[in-house]
Protein backbone atom coordinates (compact mmCIF):
# COMPACT_ATOMS: atom_id res chain seq x y z
CA MET A 1 134.33 122.19 155.65
CA SER A 2 130.68 123.54 156.69
CA GLU A 3 127.73 121.38 156.51
CA THR A 4 126.16 123.47 153.62
CA ASN A 5 129.36 123.11 151.42
CA LYS A 6 129.04 119.36 151.89
CA GLN A 7 125.50 119.21 150.59
CA ASN A 8 126.35 121.43 147.73
CA ASP A 9 129.20 119.21 146.85
CA GLU A 10 126.83 116.24 147.00
CA ILE A 11 124.21 117.68 144.47
CA GLU A 12 126.90 119.08 142.21
CA ILE A 13 126.58 117.78 138.60
CA ASP A 14 129.04 118.08 135.82
CA LEU A 15 127.00 118.67 132.85
CA ALA A 16 130.23 118.14 130.64
CA GLU A 17 130.76 114.83 132.27
CA ILE A 18 126.98 114.10 131.64
CA CYS A 19 127.11 114.87 127.99
CA ARG A 20 130.40 112.66 127.54
CA LEU A 21 128.31 109.80 129.23
CA LEU A 22 125.34 110.21 126.84
CA LEU A 23 127.67 110.30 123.86
CA SER A 24 129.55 107.12 125.04
CA ARG A 25 126.03 105.53 125.40
CA ILE A 26 124.79 106.64 121.85
CA TRP A 27 123.95 103.47 120.54
CA THR A 28 122.00 102.80 123.78
CA LEU A 29 120.03 106.01 122.91
CA ILE A 30 119.57 105.06 119.41
CA ILE A 31 118.17 101.69 119.97
CA ALA A 32 115.73 103.03 122.69
CA ALA A 33 114.56 105.70 120.04
CA VAL A 34 113.95 103.05 117.45
CA LEU A 35 112.06 100.65 119.64
CA MET A 36 109.72 103.45 121.06
CA GLY A 37 109.39 104.67 117.61
CA GLY A 38 108.32 101.23 116.46
CA LEU A 39 105.99 100.64 119.28
CA MET A 40 104.31 103.93 118.82
CA ALA A 41 103.83 103.10 115.05
CA GLY A 42 102.18 99.79 115.95
CA TYR A 43 100.11 101.30 118.35
CA THR A 44 98.86 104.04 116.06
CA ALA A 45 98.40 101.30 113.21
CA PHE A 46 96.56 98.81 115.18
CA PHE A 47 94.97 100.24 118.27
CA LYS A 48 93.96 103.79 117.19
CA THR A 49 90.69 104.16 115.04
CA PRO A 50 91.24 106.65 112.20
CA LEU A 51 89.03 109.70 112.16
CA TYR A 52 87.82 111.80 109.16
CA GLN A 53 86.75 115.09 108.83
CA SER A 54 84.44 116.85 106.31
CA THR A 55 83.93 120.51 106.29
CA SER A 56 80.97 122.96 104.74
CA GLN A 57 81.15 126.56 104.38
CA ILE A 58 78.21 129.24 105.03
CA PHE A 59 78.19 132.66 104.15
CA ILE A 60 75.92 135.04 106.53
CA LEU A 61 74.48 137.48 104.32
CA ASN A 62 71.78 140.18 105.06
CA ASN A 63 70.72 142.18 102.18
CA THR A 64 69.17 144.70 104.60
CA MET A 65 72.77 145.72 105.62
CA ASP A 66 74.80 148.32 103.86
CA LEU A 67 78.46 147.67 103.50
CA SER A 68 79.29 150.38 106.00
CA LEU A 69 81.98 149.43 108.93
CA SER A 70 79.40 149.31 111.54
CA ASP A 71 77.17 147.01 109.38
CA LEU A 72 80.10 144.53 108.87
CA GLN A 73 80.53 144.48 112.57
CA ILE A 74 77.04 143.64 113.26
CA GLY A 75 77.14 140.99 110.67
CA SER A 76 80.38 139.44 112.34
CA GLN A 77 78.42 139.82 115.67
CA LEU A 78 75.47 137.83 114.27
CA THR A 79 77.60 135.02 113.27
CA GLN A 80 78.10 134.22 116.86
CA ASP A 81 74.37 133.84 117.19
CA TYR A 82 74.21 131.68 114.13
CA MET A 83 76.92 129.47 115.81
CA GLU A 84 74.83 128.87 118.96
CA ILE A 85 71.86 128.17 116.77
CA ILE A 86 73.75 125.38 114.59
CA LYS A 87 74.84 123.85 118.02
CA SER A 88 71.51 124.01 119.54
CA ARG A 89 69.70 120.95 120.51
CA PRO A 90 66.68 121.14 117.96
CA VAL A 91 69.02 121.40 115.02
CA LEU A 92 71.17 118.69 115.94
CA GLU A 93 68.18 116.26 116.70
CA ALA A 94 66.42 117.46 113.46
CA THR A 95 69.72 116.14 111.77
CA ILE A 96 69.71 112.87 113.60
CA SER A 97 66.13 112.33 112.96
CA GLU A 98 66.43 112.78 109.10
CA LEU A 99 69.42 110.88 108.82
CA LYS A 100 68.13 108.09 111.25
CA LEU A 101 71.62 107.98 112.88
CA ASP A 102 72.44 105.86 115.84
CA MET A 103 73.73 108.37 118.08
CA ASP A 104 72.35 110.99 120.63
CA TYR A 105 72.46 114.91 120.77
CA SER A 106 75.51 115.00 122.87
CA ALA A 107 77.60 112.59 120.59
CA LEU A 108 76.68 114.60 117.54
CA ARG A 109 77.52 117.87 119.13
CA GLY A 110 80.97 116.43 120.29
CA SER A 111 81.78 115.63 116.73
CA LEU A 112 80.96 119.05 115.58
CA SER A 113 83.20 122.00 115.50
CA ILE A 114 82.55 125.43 114.19
CA SER A 115 84.92 128.29 113.40
CA ASN A 116 84.63 131.89 112.01
CA PRO A 117 87.42 133.31 110.74
CA GLN A 118 88.19 136.89 112.02
CA ASN A 119 86.63 139.98 110.43
CA THR A 120 84.46 137.46 108.27
CA ARG A 121 80.78 136.30 108.09
CA ILE A 122 81.64 132.78 107.02
CA LEU A 123 81.17 129.70 109.00
CA TYR A 124 83.01 126.47 108.90
CA LEU A 125 81.22 123.50 110.02
CA THR A 126 83.39 120.59 110.46
CA ILE A 127 82.01 116.98 111.19
CA THR A 128 84.55 114.27 112.59
CA ASN A 129 83.68 110.66 112.17
CA ALA A 130 85.17 107.22 111.72
CA ASP A 131 83.66 106.70 108.38
CA ALA A 132 84.71 109.32 105.67
CA TYR A 133 81.48 108.99 103.64
CA MET A 134 79.19 109.46 106.87
CA ALA A 135 81.20 112.53 107.89
CA LYS A 136 80.25 114.26 104.47
CA THR A 137 76.73 113.04 104.81
CA ILE A 138 76.23 114.42 108.19
CA VAL A 139 77.87 117.72 107.63
CA ASP A 140 75.80 118.27 104.56
CA LYS A 141 72.47 117.54 106.12
CA LEU A 142 73.37 119.52 109.21
CA THR A 143 74.24 122.55 106.89
CA ASP A 144 70.70 122.32 105.26
CA VAL A 145 69.19 122.18 108.48
CA SER A 146 70.96 124.91 110.15
CA ILE A 147 70.11 127.44 107.43
CA ASP A 148 66.66 126.70 107.77
CA PHE A 149 66.54 127.21 111.39
CA ILE A 150 68.52 130.39 111.21
CA ALA A 151 66.03 131.86 108.74
CA ASN A 152 62.95 130.78 110.86
CA ILE A 153 64.60 131.84 114.44
CA MET A 154 66.37 134.92 113.07
CA ASP A 155 63.52 135.96 110.71
CA THR A 156 65.74 136.74 108.02
CA GLU A 157 66.69 135.10 104.45
CA LYS A 158 68.70 131.99 104.48
CA PRO A 159 72.30 132.13 104.68
CA ASN A 160 74.10 131.16 101.44
CA ILE A 161 75.97 127.84 101.10
CA ILE A 162 79.46 128.47 99.85
CA ASP A 163 80.30 124.70 99.66
CA TYR A 164 79.31 121.29 100.89
CA GLY A 165 81.55 118.96 102.57
CA HIS A 166 83.59 116.64 100.55
CA ILE A 167 84.53 112.89 101.22
CA PRO A 168 88.19 113.16 103.00
CA GLY A 169 90.92 111.56 101.07
CA GLY A 170 92.64 110.30 104.31
CA PRO A 171 92.13 110.29 107.99
CA SER A 172 92.58 113.52 110.07
CA SER A 173 93.79 111.57 113.07
CA PRO A 174 95.73 110.04 114.45
CA SER A 175 98.86 111.10 112.79
CA MET A 176 101.41 108.38 112.05
CA LYS A 177 104.29 110.74 111.67
CA LYS A 178 103.54 112.86 114.74
CA ASN A 179 103.24 109.72 116.91
CA VAL A 180 106.20 108.12 115.76
CA ILE A 181 108.30 111.43 116.49
CA ILE A 182 106.89 111.48 119.72
CA GLY A 183 107.80 107.69 120.36
CA VAL A 184 111.27 108.51 119.31
CA LEU A 185 111.64 111.54 121.66
CA LEU A 186 110.13 109.62 124.34
CA GLY A 187 112.60 106.75 124.00
CA ILE A 188 115.63 109.16 124.10
CA VAL A 189 114.37 110.95 127.04
CA LEU A 190 113.62 107.65 129.10
CA ALA A 191 116.92 105.91 128.15
CA SER A 192 118.86 109.17 128.91
CA ALA A 193 117.10 109.51 132.36
CA VAL A 194 117.92 105.81 132.94
CA ILE A 195 121.58 106.32 132.17
CA ILE A 196 122.04 109.58 134.08
CA ILE A 197 120.33 108.10 137.24
CA ARG A 198 122.61 105.10 137.41
CA TYR A 199 125.60 107.36 136.80
CA LEU A 200 124.53 109.83 139.69
CA MET A 201 123.76 106.70 141.98
CA ASN A 202 127.19 105.25 141.26
CA ASP A 203 129.45 106.09 144.03
CA SER A 204 132.44 103.55 143.29
CA ILE A 205 135.76 105.04 143.03
CA HIS A 206 137.44 105.02 139.53
CA THR A 207 139.85 108.25 139.69
CA SER A 208 141.78 110.31 142.11
CA ASP A 209 139.07 113.06 141.69
CA ASP A 210 136.62 110.38 142.99
CA VAL A 211 138.80 109.84 146.21
CA GLU A 212 138.66 113.33 146.98
CA LYS A 213 134.96 113.68 146.26
CA TYR A 214 133.53 110.82 148.20
CA LEU A 215 136.22 110.51 150.85
CA GLY A 216 137.40 113.86 151.37
CA ILE A 217 141.01 113.37 151.17
CA ASN A 218 143.85 114.43 149.09
CA THR A 219 145.82 111.65 147.01
CA ILE A 220 149.62 111.70 147.14
CA GLY A 221 150.25 109.34 144.32
CA ALA A 222 148.82 106.63 142.00
CA ILE A 223 150.10 103.34 141.03
CA PRO A 224 149.46 102.23 137.55
CA PHE A 225 147.49 99.20 136.91
CA ASP A 226 147.32 97.40 133.63
CA GLY A 227 144.34 94.93 134.39
CA ALA A 228 146.24 91.83 133.74
CA GLY A 229 146.14 90.68 137.50
CA SER A 230 148.66 88.40 138.99
CA LYS A 231 150.83 86.21 136.74
CA LYS A 232 149.90 82.63 136.28
CA LYS A 233 151.76 80.43 138.61
CA THR A 234 152.76 76.61 138.37
CA HIS A 235 154.00 74.86 141.48
CA GLY A 236 155.35 78.22 142.89
CA ARG A 237 156.89 79.47 139.68
CA ASP A 238 155.91 81.93 136.92
CA ARG A 239 155.85 81.43 133.17
CA THR A 240 159.48 82.21 132.93
CA GLY A 241 160.60 79.60 135.47
CA LYS A 242 161.71 81.95 138.09
CA ASN A 243 160.74 81.76 141.69
CA ALA A 244 157.25 83.92 141.83
CA LYS A 245 157.94 85.44 145.21
CA ASN A 246 161.29 86.88 143.72
CA SER A 247 160.08 88.03 140.45
CA GLY A 248 157.80 90.88 141.73
CA THR A 249 158.92 94.19 143.38
CA SER A 250 157.41 94.96 146.89
CA ILE A 251 156.22 98.40 147.52
CA GLU A 252 155.19 99.68 150.89
CA LYS A 253 153.74 102.91 151.94
CA LYS A 254 153.98 104.21 155.18
CA ALA A 255 151.80 106.97 156.64
CA SER A 256 153.16 109.26 159.19
């Protein structure tokens, strides 16, 4: 057998055997999944700070535009300019000043996200905060400050406010359900990895196939073994009272 073939035999993995192995350890996998899912639930409940989001909507309207396709495209392009104005330092610092917030410009910008659905002139301003009421308060004030700045800087009329923010009914993150699912999957993966690694590293011989696999020799016969071991002896006799050395059958195998 060539060296290449020996190496291929060493890394050969029986996928069917791996599947049977994992099925035989199904309760181990279930316990690991439950434990990891419980740990993730506890971590989410006691160590993760709930965050709340409040969103306002602004409609970028310019009455000087006709409703032609080119004008609509220009209007969509202008929304990108408005988005940059809203995220600018003067707008955010004015919002912080008016609300007397205990945060700096970069912190407020990090909690702000702005989205613009494709082919629309609608902006969604979203503030994320650990306090649900504060999230609404900040996004409402930011909306008012933003439309004033846009009107002054762009020398146009104020954008229309479609809707102010609402007090969120529940946290936007962390997601308990998502984290528990991640924990369950992680438990299954880790337990499976440990089982498979122990299986692959176990080179003990259990079957005739293992003899051929690890020793490279063919088996010519097998002797059944019931696992009972030798019979209990008392003063050189077995339980039947017969002489122990005459009660068994001696088998000798000679190799040529």
